Amino acid sequence: MINGCSCNASGLYYGKAGLSLILSELALFYRNDYLEYHAFKLLQEALITKIKIIYFSDGLAGIGFILLYLIEKKRVEAEYLEIFGKSHQKIIEVISHYNVGCHKFGETLGLYFYLHMTGKFLPARIFQKINSRFLTNIEQYFENTYAGDIDVKCYSEIV
């Protein structure tokens, strides 16, 4: 894992951001500065890589999640929007026009998770608008995909 710099991907599931998270957790568990150093270096590499994909698993949303997670756990001293602001705006723009039916549902849930984790950086009215549209879109997806099989109206009431 320490040779993670040889990894070509930058995302959460299969790339440098994911390896950074694993090494960061191991560094905390073992109180190991060497692992912490490499976790930080991998995160830096993931952040400077030019990525156009916004998905949670292998794109910007996953990298942003790792950065914010490490900031909130006080393992990285940084301002989220200062470092990731442009990418965050790009992700939110895509999320605000997202059509669930055109994408893998797992990616949809990842983006929804990203929206909720970073919602504090949005004005409340904009967050509510995007969240409402997203939930309506998910509800329509279930209605179209599982027509009559389940009562999807319950989903939006739970959330």
C-alpha atoms as a PDB file:
ATOM      1  CA  MET A   1       0.000   0.000   0.000  1.00  0.00           C
ATOM      2  CA  ILE A   2       2.816   2.398   0.654  1.00  0.00           C
ATOM      3  CA  ASN A   3       3.700   2.106  -3.043  1.00  0.00           C
ATOM      4  CA  GLY A   4       0.276   3.587  -3.772  1.00  0.00           C
ATOM      5  CA  CYS A   5       1.921   6.262  -5.906  1.00  0.00           C
ATOM      6  CA  SER A   6       2.178   3.590  -8.596  1.00  0.00           C
ATOM      7  CA  CYS A   7      -1.629   3.375  -8.628  1.00  0.00           C
ATOM      8  CA  ASN A   8      -3.049   5.119 -11.710  1.00  0.00           C
ATOM      9  CA  ALA A   9      -6.556   5.770 -10.335  1.00  0.00           C
ATOM     10  CA  SER A  10      -7.310   8.571  -7.883  1.00  0.00           C
ATOM     11  CA  GLY A  11     -10.784   7.686  -6.624  1.00  0.00           C
ATOM     12  CA  LEU A  12     -12.211   6.327  -3.421  1.00  0.00           C
ATOM     13  CA  TYR A  13     -12.817   2.660  -4.275  1.00  0.00           C
ATOM     14  CA  TYR A  14      -9.807   1.764  -6.420  1.00  0.00           C
ATOM     15  CA  GLY A  15      -7.446   4.699  -6.209  1.00  0.00           C
ATOM     16  CA  LYS A  16      -5.164   6.942  -4.223  1.00  0.00           C
ATOM     17  CA  ALA A  17      -7.945   8.571  -2.188  1.00  0.00           C
ATOM     18  CA  GLY A  18      -9.113   5.181  -0.925  1.00  0.00           C
ATOM     19  CA  LEU A  19      -5.578   4.103  -0.123  1.00  0.00           C
ATOM     20  CA  SER A  20      -5.081   7.394   1.687  1.00  0.00           C
ATOM     21  CA  LEU A  21      -8.095   6.691   3.874  1.00  0.00           C
ATOM     22  CA  ILE A  22      -6.909   3.164   4.670  1.00  0.00           C
ATOM     23  CA  LEU A  23      -3.391   4.329   5.545  1.00  0.00           C
ATOM     24  CA  SER A  24      -4.763   7.180   7.630  1.00  0.00           C
ATOM     25  CA  GLU A  25      -6.898   4.786   9.656  1.00  0.00           C
ATOM     26  CA  LEU A  26      -3.970   2.393  10.066  1.00  0.00           C
ATOM     27  CA  ALA A  27      -1.687   5.262  11.093  1.00  0.00           C
ATOM     28  CA  LEU A  28      -4.161   6.282  13.767  1.00  0.00           C
ATOM     29  CA  PHE A  29      -4.615   2.717  14.997  1.00  0.00           C
ATOM     30  CA  TYR A  30      -0.895   1.943  15.116  1.00  0.00           C
ATOM     31  CA  ARG A  31       0.196   5.505  15.980  1.00  0.00           C
ATOM     32  CA  ASN A  32       2.558   5.362  13.035  1.00  0.00           C
ATOM     33  CA  ASP A  33       3.919   8.608  11.577  1.00  0.00           C
ATOM     34  CA  TYR A  34       5.342   6.818   8.546  1.00  0.00           C
ATOM     35  CA  LEU A  35       1.907   5.573   7.494  1.00  0.00           C
ATOM     36  CA  GLU A  36       0.390   8.979   8.216  1.00  0.00           C
ATOM     37  CA  TYR A  37       2.971  10.662   5.991  1.00  0.00           C
ATOM     38  CA  HIS A  38       2.191   8.317   3.087  1.00  0.00           C
ATOM     39  CA  ALA A  39      -1.552   8.729   3.627  1.00  0.00           C
ATOM     40  CA  PHE A  40      -1.139  12.488   3.314  1.00  0.00           C
ATOM     41  CA  LYS A  41       1.039  12.178   0.196  1.00  0.00           C
ATOM     42  CA  LEU A  42      -1.512   9.920  -1.510  1.00  0.00           C
ATOM     43  CA  LEU A  43      -4.292  12.364  -0.667  1.00  0.00           C
ATOM     44  CA  GLN A  44      -2.241  15.197  -2.165  1.00  0.00           C
ATOM     45  CA  GLU A  45      -1.698  13.185  -5.347  1.00  0.00           C
ATOM     46  CA  ALA A  46      -5.413  12.387  -5.593  1.00  0.00           C
ATOM     47  CA  LEU A  47      -6.264  16.071  -5.165  1.00  0.00           C
ATOM     48  CA  ILE A  48      -3.938  17.330  -7.889  1.00  0.00           C
ATOM     49  CA  THR A  49      -4.945  14.722 -10.461  1.00  0.00           C
ATOM     50  CA  LYS A  50      -7.136  16.112 -13.241  1.00  0.00           C
ATOM     51  CA  ILE A  51     -10.359  14.097 -13.102  1.00  0.00           C
ATOM     52  CA  LYS A  52     -13.528  14.776 -15.059  1.00  0.00           C
ATOM     53  CA  ILE A  53     -15.552  11.963 -13.499  1.00  0.00           C
ATOM     54  CA  ILE A  54     -17.695  13.149 -10.590  1.00  0.00           C
ATOM     55  CA  TYR A  55     -18.852   9.821  -9.177  1.00  0.00           C
ATOM     56  CA  PHE A  56     -18.297   8.756  -5.602  1.00  0.00           C
ATOM     57  CA  SER A  57     -16.510   5.489  -6.357  1.00  0.00           C
ATOM     58  CA  ASP A  58     -13.911   6.657  -8.841  1.00  0.00           C
ATOM     59  CA  GLY A  59     -14.273  10.396  -9.183  1.00  0.00           C
ATOM     60  CA  LEU A  60     -14.278  13.778  -7.535  1.00  0.00           C
ATOM     61  CA  ALA A  61     -17.088  13.095  -5.050  1.00  0.00           C
ATOM     62  CA  GLY A  62     -15.122  10.254  -3.446  1.00  0.00           C
ATOM     63  CA  ILE A  63     -11.957  12.327  -3.254  1.00  0.00           C
ATOM     64  CA  GLY A  64     -13.891  15.215  -1.722  1.00  0.00           C
ATOM     65  CA  PHE A  65     -15.450  12.841   0.796  1.00  0.00           C
ATOM     66  CA  ILE A  66     -12.023  11.607   1.916  1.00  0.00           C
ATOM     67  CA  LEU A  67     -10.697  15.154   2.219  1.00  0.00           C
ATOM     68  CA  LEU A  68     -13.672  16.329   4.261  1.00  0.00           C
ATOM     69  CA  TYR A  69     -13.623  13.191   6.417  1.00  0.00           C
ATOM     70  CA  LEU A  70      -9.940  13.691   7.260  1.00  0.00           C
ATOM     71  CA  ILE A  71     -10.494  17.394   7.959  1.00  0.00           C
ATOM     72  CA  GLU A  72     -13.408  16.646  10.279  1.00  0.00           C
ATOM     73  CA  LYS A  73     -11.392  13.959  12.087  1.00  0.00           C
ATOM     74  CA  LYS A  74      -8.609  16.563  12.509  1.00  0.00           C
ATOM     75  CA  ARG A  75      -6.082  14.468  10.622  1.00  0.00           C
ATOM     76  CA  VAL A  76      -5.617  17.146   7.986  1.00  0.00           C
ATOM     77  CA  GLU A  77      -5.533  20.867   8.695  1.00  0.00           C
ATOM     78  CA  ALA A  78      -7.227  22.549   5.746  1.00  0.00           C
ATOM     79  CA  GLU A  79     -10.248  24.497   4.584  1.00  0.00           C
ATOM     80  CA  TYR A  80     -12.411  22.233   2.450  1.00  0.00           C
ATOM     81  CA  LEU A  81     -13.702  24.862   0.042  1.00  0.00           C
ATOM     82  CA  GLU A  82     -10.298  26.500  -0.267  1.00  0.00           C
ATOM     83  CA  ILE A  83      -8.797  23.247  -1.518  1.00  0.00           C
ATOM     84  CA  PHE A  84     -11.778  21.585  -3.171  1.00  0.00           C
ATOM     85  CA  GLY A  85     -14.148  24.486  -3.915  1.00  0.00           C
ATOM     86  CA  LYS A  86     -14.081  24.334  -7.729  1.00  0.00           C
ATOM     87  CA  SER A  87     -14.539  20.570  -7.768  1.00  0.00           C
ATOM     88  CA  HIS A  88     -17.285  20.855  -5.146  1.00  0.00           C
ATOM     89  CA  GLN A  89     -19.141  23.362  -7.330  1.00  0.00           C
ATOM     90  CA  LYS A  90     -18.811  21.035 -10.329  1.00  0.00           C
ATOM     91  CA  ILE A  91     -20.202  18.103  -8.336  1.00  0.00           C
ATOM     92  CA  ILE A  92     -23.118  20.142  -6.964  1.00  0.00           C
ATOM     93  CA  GLU A  93     -23.918  21.412 -10.470  1.00  0.00           C
ATOM     94  CA  VAL A  94     -24.103  17.837 -11.771  1.00  0.00           C
ATOM     95  CA  ILE A  95     -26.124  16.683  -8.756  1.00  0.00           C
ATOM     96  CA  SER A  96     -28.626  19.501  -9.189  1.00  0.00           C
ATOM     97  CA  HIS A  97     -29.419  18.254 -12.725  1.00  0.00           C
ATOM     98  CA  TYR A  98     -28.892  14.548 -12.054  1.00  0.00           C
ATOM     99  CA  ASN A  99     -31.214  11.969 -13.595  1.00  0.00           C
ATOM    100  CA  VAL A 100     -31.139   8.741 -11.592  1.00  0.00           C
ATOM    101  CA  GLY A 101     -32.504   6.570 -14.391  1.00  0.00           C
ATOM    102  CA  CYS A 102     -29.483   7.268 -16.594  1.00  0.00           C
ATOM    103  CA  HIS A 103     -26.880   6.023 -14.102  1.00  0.00           C
ATOM    104  CA  LYS A 104     -26.008   3.098 -11.861  1.00  0.00           C
ATOM    105  CA  PHE A 105     -28.018   3.305  -8.685  1.00  0.00           C
ATOM    106  CA  GLY A 106     -24.935   2.750  -6.500  1.00  0.00           C
ATOM    107  CA  GLU A 107     -23.383   5.890  -7.960  1.00  0.00           C
ATOM    108  CA  THR A 108     -26.620   7.747  -7.300  1.00  0.00           C
ATOM    109  CA  LEU A 109     -26.480   6.823  -3.625  1.00  0.00           C
ATOM    110  CA  GLY A 110     -22.839   7.900  -3.454  1.00  0.00           C
ATOM    111  CA  LEU A 111     -23.682  11.317  -4.885  1.00  0.00           C
ATOM    112  CA  TYR A 112     -26.631  11.626  -2.514  1.00  0.00           C
ATOM    113  CA  PHE A 113     -24.300  10.808   0.372  1.00  0.00           C
ATOM    114  CA  TYR A 114     -21.835  13.436  -0.871  1.00  0.00           C
ATOM    115  CA  LEU A 115     -24.652  15.998  -1.069  1.00  0.00           C
ATOM    116  CA  HIS A 116     -25.594  15.388   2.559  1.00  0.00           C
ATOM    117  CA  MET A 117     -22.033  15.388   3.807  1.00  0.00           C
ATOM    118  CA  THR A 118     -21.247  18.686   2.099  1.00  0.00           C
ATOM    119  CA  GLY A 119     -24.672  20.291   2.409  1.00  0.00           C
ATOM    120  CA  LYS A 120     -23.369  22.589   5.136  1.00  0.00           C
ATOM    121  CA  PHE A 121     -21.406  24.449   2.444  1.00  0.00           C
ATOM    122  CA  LEU A 122     -24.595  25.315   0.559  1.00  0.00           C
ATOM    123  CA  PRO A 123     -27.244  27.873   1.450  1.00  0.00           C
ATOM    124  CA  ALA A 124     -30.128  26.026   3.147  1.00  0.00           C
ATOM    125  CA  ARG A 125     -32.626  26.960   0.437  1.00  0.00           C
ATOM    126  CA  ILE A 126     -30.390  25.596  -2.341  1.00  0.00           C
ATOM    127  CA  PHE A 127     -29.630  22.430  -0.386  1.00  0.00           C
ATOM    128  CA  GLN A 128     -33.355  21.825   0.179  1.00  0.00           C
ATOM    129  CA  LYS A 129     -34.130  22.398  -3.492  1.00  0.00           C
ATOM    130  CA  ILE A 130     -31.431  19.986  -4.688  1.00  0.00           C
ATOM    131  CA  ASN A 131     -32.285  17.419  -2.009  1.00  0.00           C
ATOM    132  CA  SER A 132     -35.991  17.539  -2.859  1.00  0.00           C
ATOM    133  CA  ARG A 133     -35.319  17.157  -6.583  1.00  0.00           C
ATOM    134  CA  PHE A 134     -32.915  14.287  -5.910  1.00  0.00           C
ATOM    135  CA  LEU A 135     -35.434  12.435  -3.722  1.00  0.00           C
ATOM    136  CA  THR A 136     -38.213  12.960  -6.267  1.00  0.00           C
ATOM    137  CA  ASN A 137     -35.911  11.622  -8.950  1.00  0.00           C
ATOM    138  CA  ILE A 138     -35.093   8.539  -6.847  1.00  0.00           C
ATOM    139  CA  GLU A 139     -38.794   8.002  -6.171  1.00  0.00           C
ATOM    140  CA  GLN A 140     -39.581   8.182  -9.893  1.00  0.00           C
ATOM    141  CA  TYR A 141     -36.756   5.763 -10.609  1.00  0.00           C
ATOM    142  CA  PHE A 142     -38.251   3.201  -8.224  1.00  0.00           C
ATOM    143  CA  GLU A 143     -41.746   3.767  -9.582  1.00  0.00           C
ATOM    144  CA  ASN A 144     -40.552   3.181 -13.149  1.00  0.00           C
ATOM    145  CA  THR A 145     -38.236   0.287 -12.327  1.00  0.00           C
ATOM    146  CA  TYR A 146     -40.422  -1.614  -9.880  1.00  0.00           C
ATOM    147  CA  ALA A 147     -43.883  -0.500 -11.038  1.00  0.00           C
ATOM    148  CA  GLY A 148     -46.340  -1.999  -8.567  1.00  0.00           C
ATOM    149  CA  ASP A 149     -43.776  -4.183  -6.765  1.00  0.00           C
ATOM    150  CA  ILE A 150     -43.126  -1.858  -3.794  1.00  0.00           C
ATOM    151  CA  ASP A 151     -44.609   1.241  -2.255  1.00  0.00           C
ATOM    152  CA  VAL A 152     -41.931   3.839  -3.025  1.00  0.00           C
ATOM    153  CA  LYS A 153     -43.823   6.707  -1.408  1.00  0.00           C
ATOM    154  CA  CYS A 154     -42.552   5.434   1.945  1.00  0.00           C
ATOM    155  CA  TYR A 155     -38.939   6.145   0.954  1.00  0.00           C
ATOM    156  CA  SER A 156     -39.214   9.922   0.806  1.00  0.00           C
ATOM    157  CA  GLU A 157     -41.201   9.980   4.057  1.00  0.00           C
ATOM    158  CA  ILE A 158     -38.424   8.108   5.868  1.00  0.00           C
ATOM    159  CA  VAL A 159     -35.665  10.363   4.594  1.00  0.00           C
END
